[in-house]
Protein backbone atom coordinates (compact mmCIF):
# COMPACT_ATOMS: atom_id res chain seq x y z
CA UNK A 1 -29.09 -6.99 0.44
CA UNK A 2 -25.57 -6.56 1.79
CA UNK A 3 -24.09 -9.71 3.26
CA UNK A 4 -23.64 -9.59 7.04
CA UNK A 5 -20.07 -9.48 8.31
CA UNK A 6 -18.82 -12.65 9.97
CA UNK A 7 -17.36 -12.47 13.49
CA UNK A 8 -15.64 -15.29 15.38
CA UNK A 9 -15.96 -14.97 19.18
CA UNK A 10 -13.37 -16.88 21.22
CA UNK A 11 -13.94 -17.20 24.99
CA UNK A 12 -13.69 -20.16 27.37
CA UNK A 13 -16.66 -18.95 29.46
CA UNK A 14 -20.05 -19.89 28.00
CA UNK A 15 -21.77 -16.98 29.73
CA UNK A 16 -19.46 -14.50 28.04
CA UNK A 17 -20.16 -16.06 24.65
CA UNK A 18 -23.90 -15.74 25.22
CA UNK A 19 -23.61 -12.11 26.39
CA UNK A 20 -21.53 -11.17 23.34
CA UNK A 21 -23.98 -12.99 21.07
CA UNK A 22 -26.93 -11.07 22.52
CA UNK A 23 -25.25 -7.80 21.62
CA UNK A 24 -24.02 -8.79 18.15
CA UNK A 25 -26.42 -11.37 16.69
CA UNK A 26 -28.80 -8.80 15.16
CA UNK A 27 -25.97 -7.14 13.26
CA UNK A 28 -23.48 -9.87 12.33
CA UNK A 29 -23.11 -13.52 11.45
CA UNK A 30 -21.51 -15.19 14.49
CA UNK A 31 -19.34 -18.24 15.08
CA UNK A 32 -17.99 -19.29 18.48
CA UNK A 33 -15.01 -21.14 19.88
CA UNK A 34 -14.26 -21.99 23.53
CA UNK A 35 -10.48 -22.17 23.25
CA UNK A 36 -7.58 -20.91 21.21
CA UNK A 37 -7.13 -24.36 19.71
CA UNK A 38 -10.77 -24.50 18.60
CA UNK A 39 -10.38 -21.05 17.03
CA UNK A 40 -7.32 -22.15 15.05
CA UNK A 41 -9.16 -25.26 13.85
CA UNK A 42 -12.10 -23.08 12.77
CA UNK A 43 -9.77 -20.76 10.84
CA UNK A 44 -8.54 -23.70 8.80
CA UNK A 45 -12.02 -23.91 7.26
CA UNK A 46 -13.39 -20.36 7.33
CA UNK A 47 -12.23 -16.73 7.18
CA UNK A 48 -14.27 -14.42 9.42
CA UNK A 49 -14.16 -10.65 8.92
CA UNK A 50 -13.12 -10.07 12.55
CA UNK A 51 -12.10 -12.10 15.61
CA UNK A 52 -13.09 -11.22 19.18
CA UNK A 53 -10.48 -12.98 21.30
CA UNK A 54 -10.49 -13.43 25.08
CA UNK A 55 -7.11 -12.76 26.68
CA UNK A 56 -7.37 -15.09 29.66
CA UNK A 57 -7.99 -18.68 28.61
CA UNK A 58 -6.55 -21.96 29.95
CA UNK A 59 -3.92 -23.96 28.02
CA UNK A 60 -3.55 -21.34 25.26
CA UNK A 61 -4.24 -17.71 26.19
CA UNK A 62 -5.24 -14.94 23.82
CA UNK A 63 -1.71 -13.70 23.24
CA UNK A 64 -0.50 -17.17 22.24
CA UNK A 65 -3.52 -17.62 19.98
CA UNK A 66 -2.95 -14.23 18.32
CA UNK A 67 0.70 -15.08 17.73
CA UNK A 68 -0.30 -18.21 15.81
CA UNK A 69 -2.99 -16.34 13.85
CA UNK A 70 -0.47 -13.71 12.77
CA UNK A 71 2.14 -16.35 11.91
CA UNK A 72 -0.16 -17.90 9.31
CA UNK A 73 -0.20 -15.86 6.05
CA UNK A 74 -3.76 -17.03 5.37
CA UNK A 75 -5.10 -15.52 8.61
CA UNK A 76 -2.56 -12.80 9.41
CA UNK A 77 -4.70 -9.97 7.98
CA UNK A 78 -7.90 -10.82 9.86
CA UNK A 79 -8.46 -7.99 12.39
CA UNK A 80 -8.39 -9.18 16.01
CA UNK A 81 -9.95 -7.39 18.99
CA UNK A 82 -9.08 -8.55 22.50
CA UNK A 83 -11.76 -9.11 25.13
CA UNK A 84 -10.33 -8.53 28.60
CA UNK A 85 -11.02 -7.58 32.20
CA UNK A 86 -7.50 -6.13 32.42
CA UNK A 87 -7.44 -2.38 31.81
CA UNK A 88 -3.70 -2.03 32.41
CA UNK A 89 -1.91 0.01 29.75
CA UNK A 90 0.95 -2.52 29.61
CA UNK A 91 -1.42 -5.31 28.58
CA UNK A 92 -2.97 -3.13 25.89
CA UNK A 93 0.42 -2.14 24.48
CA UNK A 94 1.54 -5.78 24.45
CA UNK A 95 -1.54 -6.76 22.44
CA UNK A 96 -1.17 -3.87 20.00
CA UNK A 97 2.48 -4.72 19.39
CA UNK A 98 1.45 -8.27 18.58
CA UNK A 99 -1.07 -7.05 16.02
CA UNK A 100 -4.38 -6.60 17.85
CA UNK A 101 -6.58 -3.80 16.50
CA UNK A 102 -8.29 -2.83 19.76
CA UNK A 103 -9.34 -3.89 23.26
CA UNK A 104 -12.88 -4.19 24.63
CA UNK A 105 -13.29 -4.41 28.39
CA UNK A 106 -15.55 -6.94 30.08
CA UNK A 107 -18.32 -6.73 31.17
CA UNK A 108 -19.38 -5.51 27.74
CA UNK A 109 -20.98 -2.12 27.27
CA UNK A 110 -23.24 -2.90 24.26
CA UNK A 111 -23.03 0.48 22.54
CA UNK A 112 -19.27 0.69 23.03
CA UNK A 113 -18.76 -2.83 21.69
CA UNK A 114 -20.93 -2.20 18.61
CA UNK A 115 -19.31 1.15 17.92
CA UNK A 116 -15.74 -0.18 18.11
CA UNK A 117 -16.47 -3.25 16.02
CA UNK A 118 -18.29 -1.16 13.42
CA UNK A 119 -15.37 1.31 13.25
CA UNK A 120 -12.81 -1.43 12.70
CA UNK A 121 -14.89 -3.19 10.04
CA UNK A 122 -15.46 0.10 8.21
CA UNK A 123 -11.75 0.85 8.28
CA UNK A 124 -10.99 -2.64 6.98
CA UNK A 125 -13.46 -2.21 4.12
CA UNK A 126 -12.01 1.18 3.28
CA UNK A 127 -8.50 -0.15 3.44
CA UNK A 128 -9.35 -3.03 1.09
CA UNK A 129 -11.00 -0.69 -1.40
CA UNK A 130 -8.16 1.80 -1.22
CA UNK A 131 -5.65 -1.01 -1.55
CA UNK A 132 -7.18 -2.12 -4.84
CA UNK A 133 -7.54 1.38 -6.29
CA UNK A 134 -4.14 2.43 -4.95
CA UNK A 135 -2.43 -0.39 -6.82
CA UNK A 136 -3.94 0.30 -10.21
CA UNK A 137 -3.13 3.04 -12.69
CA UNK A 138 -6.45 4.58 -13.68
CA UNK A 139 -5.41 5.64 -17.18
CA UNK A 140 -3.81 2.41 -18.44
CA UNK A 141 -5.26 -0.23 -16.12
CA UNK A 142 -1.75 -1.48 -15.37
CA UNK A 143 -0.38 -2.11 -11.89
CA UNK A 144 1.46 0.79 -10.27
CA UNK A 145 4.88 1.13 -8.71
CA UNK A 146 3.87 0.02 -5.20
CA UNK A 147 2.24 -3.17 -6.41
CA UNK A 148 5.20 -3.91 -8.66
CA UNK A 149 7.65 -3.43 -5.79
CA UNK A 150 5.63 -5.60 -3.41
CA UNK A 151 5.16 -8.41 -5.93
CA UNK A 152 8.80 -8.43 -6.98
CA UNK A 153 9.95 -8.63 -3.37
CA UNK A 154 7.37 -11.33 -2.58
CA UNK A 155 8.44 -13.45 -5.55
CA UNK A 156 12.12 -13.15 -4.70
CA UNK A 157 11.55 -13.85 -1.00
CA UNK A 158 9.34 -16.89 -1.54
CA UNK A 159 10.66 -18.88 -4.44
CA UNK A 160 12.13 -16.65 -7.10
CA UNK A 161 15.21 -18.06 -8.74
CA UNK A 162 15.35 -16.35 -12.11
CA UNK A 163 13.48 -13.41 -13.62
CA UNK A 164 13.83 -10.42 -15.93
CA UNK A 165 13.13 -6.82 -14.91
CA UNK A 166 12.64 -4.14 -17.58
CA UNK A 167 12.20 -0.38 -17.34
CA UNK A 168 10.68 1.31 -20.39
CA UNK A 169 10.53 5.01 -21.16
CA UNK A 170 8.74 6.73 -24.04
CA UNK A 171 11.25 8.64 -26.14
CA UNK A 172 10.64 12.41 -26.35
CA UNK A 173 7.22 12.16 -24.72
CA UNK A 174 7.17 15.88 -23.98
CA UNK A 175 7.43 16.47 -27.72
CA UNK A 176 4.40 14.22 -28.25
CA UNK A 177 2.37 16.27 -25.77
CA UNK A 178 3.59 19.59 -27.16
CA UNK A 179 2.97 18.60 -30.79
CA UNK A 180 -0.26 16.61 -30.58
CA UNK A 181 -1.72 17.73 -27.25
CA UNK A 182 -2.19 16.06 -23.86
CA UNK A 183 -5.32 14.19 -24.94
CA UNK A 184 -3.28 12.50 -27.63
CA UNK A 185 -0.50 11.97 -25.08
CA UNK A 186 -2.95 10.09 -22.86
CA UNK A 187 -4.03 8.00 -25.86
CA UNK A 188 -0.38 7.08 -26.46
CA UNK A 189 0.01 6.00 -22.84
CA UNK A 190 -3.17 3.92 -23.05
CA UNK A 191 -1.99 2.26 -26.25
CA UNK A 192 1.38 1.30 -24.78
CA UNK A 193 -0.34 0.12 -21.61
CA UNK A 194 -2.58 -2.15 -23.68
CA UNK A 195 0.39 -3.56 -25.60
CA UNK A 196 2.31 -4.33 -22.42
CA UNK A 197 -0.72 -5.80 -20.65
CA UNK A 198 -1.32 -8.18 -23.55
CA UNK A 199 2.35 -9.10 -23.79
CA UNK A 200 2.68 -10.65 -20.33
CA UNK A 201 1.46 -13.97 -19.00
CA UNK A 202 -0.81 -14.39 -15.97
CA UNK A 203 2.10 -14.74 -13.53
CA UNK A 204 4.05 -11.73 -14.86
CA UNK A 205 3.57 -8.05 -14.02
CA UNK A 206 3.14 -5.04 -16.29
CA UNK A 207 3.17 -1.69 -14.49
CA UNK A 208 3.13 2.04 -15.09
CA UNK A 209 5.54 3.49 -12.57
CA UNK A 210 5.65 7.13 -13.60
CA UNK A 211 4.30 9.64 -16.11
CA UNK A 212 5.74 7.95 -19.21
CA UNK A 213 7.71 5.20 -17.50
CA UNK A 214 6.65 1.56 -17.52
CA UNK A 215 8.10 -1.67 -16.13
CA UNK A 216 7.76 -5.40 -16.76
CA UNK A 217 8.69 -8.25 -14.43
CA UNK A 218 8.91 -11.60 -16.20
CA UNK A 219 9.18 -14.58 -13.87
CA UNK A 220 11.23 -17.51 -15.07
CA UNK A 221 14.43 -18.48 -16.82
CA UNK A 222 14.81 -16.55 -20.08
CA UNK A 223 17.85 -16.60 -22.33
CA UNK A 224 19.23 -13.33 -23.64
CA UNK A 225 17.98 -14.32 -27.05
CA UNK A 226 14.42 -14.78 -25.79
CA UNK A 227 14.52 -11.41 -24.04
CA UNK A 228 15.76 -9.77 -27.25
CA UNK A 229 12.89 -11.36 -29.21
CA UNK A 230 10.46 -10.12 -26.58
CA UNK A 231 11.73 -6.54 -26.88
CA UNK A 232 11.60 -6.69 -30.68
CA UNK A 233 8.00 -7.92 -30.47
CA UNK A 234 7.06 -4.91 -28.33
CA UNK A 235 8.79 -2.51 -30.72
CA UNK A 236 6.94 -4.07 -33.67
CA UNK A 237 3.56 -3.80 -31.95
CA UNK A 238 4.18 -0.17 -31.01
CA UNK A 239 5.13 0.66 -34.59
CA UNK A 240 2.04 -1.08 -35.94
CA UNK A 241 -0.56 0.06 -33.41
CA UNK A 242 0.67 3.58 -32.78
CA UNK A 243 -0.08 4.58 -36.35
CA UNK A 244 -3.76 4.09 -35.45
CA UNK A 245 -3.35 6.57 -32.59
CA UNK A 246 -1.09 9.15 -34.24
CA UNK A 247 -1.52 9.16 -37.99
CA UNK A 248 2.19 9.42 -38.56
CA UNK A 249 4.74 6.68 -39.03
CA UNK A 250 7.25 6.14 -36.19
CA UNK A 251 5.96 9.11 -34.18
CA UNK A 252 6.42 7.17 -30.93
CA UNK A 253 9.28 4.94 -29.84
CA UNK A 254 10.41 3.25 -26.63
CA UNK A 255 13.73 2.72 -24.84
CA UNK A 256 14.22 -0.31 -22.57
CA UNK A 257 16.73 -1.08 -19.82
CA UNK A 258 17.05 -4.71 -18.69
CA UNK A 259 18.24 -6.27 -15.43
CA UNK A 260 18.25 -10.00 -14.66
CA UNK A 261 17.79 -12.13 -11.54
CA UNK A 262 20.09 -13.29 -10.03
CA UNK A 263 22.87 -12.06 -12.31
CA UNK A 264 22.40 -8.33 -11.63
CA UNK A 265 20.49 -8.08 -8.35
CA UNK A 266 18.17 -9.99 -6.04
CA UNK A 267 15.91 -7.25 -4.70
CA UNK A 268 13.57 -4.65 -6.18
CA UNK A 269 15.73 -1.59 -5.62
CA UNK A 270 18.82 -3.33 -6.97
CA UNK A 271 16.96 -4.43 -10.09
CA UNK A 272 15.45 -0.99 -10.60
CA UNK A 273 18.84 0.68 -10.25
CA UNK A 274 20.52 -1.68 -12.69
CA UNK A 275 17.73 -1.49 -15.28
CA UNK A 276 17.69 2.30 -14.94
CA UNK A 277 21.41 2.46 -15.75
CA UNK A 278 20.86 0.27 -18.78
CA UNK A 279 17.99 2.56 -19.82
CA UNK A 280 20.26 5.57 -19.40
CA UNK A 281 22.73 3.95 -21.79
CA UNK A 282 19.99 3.55 -24.42
CA UNK A 283 18.89 7.17 -23.99
CA UNK A 284 22.43 8.37 -24.49
CA UNK A 285 22.97 6.24 -27.58
CA UNK A 286 20.16 7.00 -29.97
CA UNK A 287 17.04 5.76 -28.07
CA UNK A 288 14.46 3.35 -29.56
CA UNK A 289 16.50 0.34 -28.43
CA UNK A 290 17.09 -2.01 -25.47
CA UNK A 291 20.16 -2.84 -23.42
CA UNK A 292 21.19 -5.38 -20.77
CA UNK A 293 22.87 -4.12 -17.61
CA UNK A 294 25.00 -7.28 -17.69
CA UNK A 295 26.87 -5.64 -20.57
CA UNK A 296 27.96 -3.06 -18.01
CA UNK A 297 31.33 -2.48 -19.59
CA UNK A 298 29.41 -0.27 -22.03
CA UNK A 299 27.59 1.67 -19.31
CA UNK A 300 29.43 4.62 -17.71
CA UNK A 301 29.35 4.88 -13.94
CA UNK A 302 26.70 7.27 -12.66
CA UNK A 303 27.03 8.91 -9.27
CA UNK A 304 24.02 8.07 -7.14
CA UNK A 305 22.86 10.20 -4.26
CA UNK A 306 22.50 8.35 -0.99
CA UNK A 307 18.86 7.42 -0.47
CA UNK A 308 17.17 9.22 2.36
CA UNK A 309 13.72 8.81 3.83
CA UNK A 310 11.79 11.95 2.94
CA UNK A 311 11.04 14.28 5.83
CA UNK A 312 7.58 15.52 6.70
CA UNK A 313 6.41 17.78 3.86
CA UNK A 314 2.86 18.97 4.26
CA UNK A 315 3.15 21.26 1.25
CA UNK A 316 4.07 18.33 -1.00
CA UNK A 317 1.21 16.27 0.43
CA UNK A 318 -1.25 19.07 -0.35
CA UNK A 319 -0.01 19.19 -3.93
CA UNK A 320 -0.47 15.42 -4.20
CA UNK A 321 -4.06 15.28 -2.95
CA UNK A 322 -5.12 18.36 -4.90
CA UNK A 323 -3.69 17.00 -8.15
CA UNK A 324 -6.41 16.03 -10.60
CA UNK A 325 -6.47 13.30 -13.24
CA UNK A 326 -5.39 15.54 -16.09
CA UNK A 327 -2.16 16.50 -14.31
CA UNK A 328 0.90 14.40 -15.04
CA UNK A 329 2.76 12.84 -12.13
CA UNK A 330 3.51 9.60 -10.37
CA UNK A 331 1.31 10.36 -7.36
CA UNK A 332 -1.73 10.55 -9.58
CA UNK A 333 -1.54 6.89 -10.42
CA UNK A 334 -0.63 5.60 -6.99
CA UNK A 335 -3.26 6.89 -4.59
CA UNK A 336 -6.44 7.62 -6.55
CA UNK A 337 -8.75 6.21 -3.88
CA UNK A 338 -7.57 8.55 -1.16
CA UNK A 339 -7.62 11.53 -3.47
CA UNK A 340 -11.26 10.87 -4.40
CA UNK A 341 -12.14 10.91 -0.70
CA UNK A 342 -10.15 14.10 -0.16
CA UNK A 343 -11.95 15.92 -2.99
CA UNK A 344 -15.33 14.64 -1.79
CA UNK A 345 -14.65 15.87 1.73
CA UNK A 346 -13.21 19.24 0.70
CA UNK A 347 -16.20 19.96 -1.56
CA UNK A 348 -18.58 19.24 1.30
CA UNK A 349 -16.87 21.54 3.79
CA UNK A 350 -18.21 24.69 2.21
CA UNK A 351 -21.79 23.43 2.58
CA UNK A 352 -21.83 21.90 6.05
CA UNK A 353 -19.48 24.21 7.91
CA UNK A 354 -17.45 21.35 9.36
CA UNK A 355 -13.69 21.39 9.79
CA UNK A 356 -11.36 18.56 8.78
CA UNK A 357 -7.70 18.21 9.74
CA UNK A 358 -5.17 16.38 7.57
CA UNK A 359 -2.17 14.86 9.37
CA UNK A 360 0.93 13.36 7.80
CA UNK A 361 3.10 10.93 9.81
CA UNK A 362 6.64 10.15 8.67
CA UNK A 363 9.15 7.61 9.97
CA UNK A 364 12.71 8.93 9.96
CA UNK A 365 15.70 6.85 10.88
CA UNK A 366 19.40 7.15 11.69
CA UNK A 367 21.39 4.99 9.28
CA UNK A 368 24.41 4.77 11.56
CA UNK A 369 22.33 2.86 14.12
CA UNK A 370 21.94 -0.13 11.82
CA UNK A 371 18.25 0.27 10.98
CA UNK A 372 17.29 -2.33 8.36
CA UNK A 373 14.48 -2.39 5.80
CA UNK A 374 12.76 -5.11 7.85
CA UNK A 375 12.86 -2.90 10.96
CA UNK A 376 11.27 -0.05 9.05
CA UNK A 377 8.53 -2.33 7.73
CA UNK A 378 7.76 -3.49 11.27
CA UNK A 379 7.72 0.11 12.48
CA UNK A 380 5.23 0.93 9.71
CA UNK A 381 2.96 -1.89 10.86
CA UNK A 382 3.12 -0.53 14.40
CA UNK A 383 2.30 2.95 13.10
CA UNK A 384 -0.72 1.60 11.25
CA UNK A 385 -2.03 -0.11 14.39
CA UNK A 386 -1.39 3.00 16.50
CA UNK A 387 -3.36 5.11 14.01
CA UNK A 388 -6.31 2.73 13.70
CA UNK A 389 -6.88 2.33 17.44
CA UNK A 390 -6.63 6.12 17.90
CA UNK A 391 -9.07 7.14 15.17
CA UNK A 392 -12.75 7.69 15.63
CA UNK A 393 -15.51 6.30 13.49
CA UNK A 394 -15.55 8.18 10.20
CA UNK A 395 -11.87 9.16 10.15
CA UNK A 396 -9.82 7.98 7.16
CA UNK A 397 -6.25 6.78 6.83
CA UNK A 398 -4.06 5.37 4.09
CA UNK A 399 -0.40 4.73 3.41
CA UNK A 400 1.09 7.70 1.57
CA UNK A 401 4.56 6.34 0.84
CA UNK A 402 6.88 3.57 2.01
CA UNK A 403 7.46 5.42 5.29
CA UNK A 404 4.43 7.70 5.63
CA UNK A 405 0.75 7.53 6.60
CA UNK A 406 -1.80 10.27 6.05
CA UNK A 407 -4.98 10.73 8.08
CA UNK A 408 -8.16 12.77 7.56
CA UNK A 409 -9.72 13.70 10.92
CA UNK A 410 -13.37 14.42 10.19
CA UNK A 411 -15.29 17.25 11.89
CA UNK A 412 -12.28 18.04 14.09
CA UNK A 413 -11.03 21.34 15.42
CA UNK A 414 -7.34 22.22 15.39
CA UNK A 415 -7.12 21.57 19.13
CA UNK A 416 -8.81 18.18 18.95
CA UNK A 417 -6.74 17.26 15.91
CA UNK A 418 -3.57 17.84 17.90
CA UNK A 419 -4.95 15.62 20.67
CA UNK A 420 -5.58 12.75 18.25
CA UNK A 421 -2.14 13.19 16.72
CA UNK A 422 -0.43 13.08 20.11
CA UNK A 423 -2.46 10.02 21.08
CA UNK A 424 -1.10 8.32 17.96
CA UNK A 425 2.43 9.48 18.78
CA UNK A 426 2.20 8.23 22.38
CA UNK A 427 0.81 4.84 21.36
CA UNK A 428 3.42 4.35 18.65
CA UNK A 429 6.23 5.41 20.98
CA UNK A 430 5.27 2.73 23.48
CA UNK A 431 5.10 0.11 20.73
CA UNK A 432 8.33 1.09 18.96
CA UNK A 433 11.35 -1.02 19.87
CA UNK A 434 13.94 0.65 17.65
CA UNK A 435 15.86 3.56 19.11
CA UNK A 436 17.08 4.67 15.69
CA UNK A 437 13.57 5.32 14.33
CA UNK A 438 11.50 8.37 15.18
CA UNK A 439 8.00 9.48 14.18
CA UNK A 440 7.43 13.05 12.97
CA UNK A 441 4.19 14.68 11.93
CA UNK A 442 2.61 17.70 10.29
CA UNK A 443 -1.05 18.74 10.54
CA UNK A 444 -3.14 21.30 8.71
CA UNK A 445 -6.80 22.13 8.25
CA UNK A 446 -8.31 21.05 4.92
CA UNK A 447 -9.57 24.02 2.93
CA UNK A 448 -13.02 23.97 1.35
CA UNK A 449 -13.09 23.56 -2.43
CA UNK A 450 -15.95 24.82 -4.54
CA UNK A 451 -15.27 22.59 -7.53
């Protein structure tokens, strides 16, 4: 039997607690607190699945309580729904900007309360499941690029002093596929994935970040000599184990570019760029070797195009979700969970006659206005909240890229889809504080697939 979800109800009026309990007790496990302080004390001992939080309370109101909940990393991700008698739009926007998921007006309408709570809990479950699947590469079982980026940034922000970042690329992988076939190519990727997974400790990260591109992040203080030994160990294992996959000696080799913290960079993109240049040097000088970026006098300067946030591209999104496991590409390993849902939905359309709209939201920004990475991250959080409160039960959303969200609007006509999209746009616009960031969108009906 599925375990009941746990809800914490926070209200200073006993009657309100009893009324909420009457509506919810048959469906959920309930805990109650009569003040913001009591709620915070409760959260030190337990982690409910959702918090219903009264706005108007003495001493510490709902907004102050929410601010403290969000400030604590251990409780920041618990969804919070405000209970209020205030139906003013300004109050709702204030709560959403602070991180609330929704508002429920008092006196409670039982069906409305149950429906909204159920929707939010379903979305949270879906998001957790998608988060896990979206951070794993299905073929190799390694972490993917997004997880690697997040973990590197978290380590460096929290306590990271020294670390080693490596990018690895299979030499002449196209030749492997062309000569031995794609099934054998997948076996090669799996073998290298297994070697890398077994080569790292529990605190380190091994990731597949592209078709035949891998990365390692080793936390700690390593000498150049230790890093060299590590690379030689990987080369030796590949040479030994790959002969069991391809019955030919030295059929597969690897090139490695190395960047170090803090010598070369102190953020993910800096480390990636430096390691990539070192990898480029290896590729241009015989392959099957490793190189440190710190020996940059040997690495020629490479002109880099200025990074831009990608614009809305519905055609590219369609290619991504329609891509199947046997197709090579970075998207395949990053968002498997959402793609499974997309294929499930599109197969069902031909049978049930329903229509589904797919909408893509993209944050674009003007660099000259001083928009920082932190501002963009905050704008993405606001976009997520705007989407969740605007969706109906059964709709699906997930993060598509660093600056994009994609939404499936179930059983929705083109006209109603546009209404939902504009509701999201309006809500986000009221929450957005940065004049240099704008939200664009594209929307298209999902076509039925027969297989």
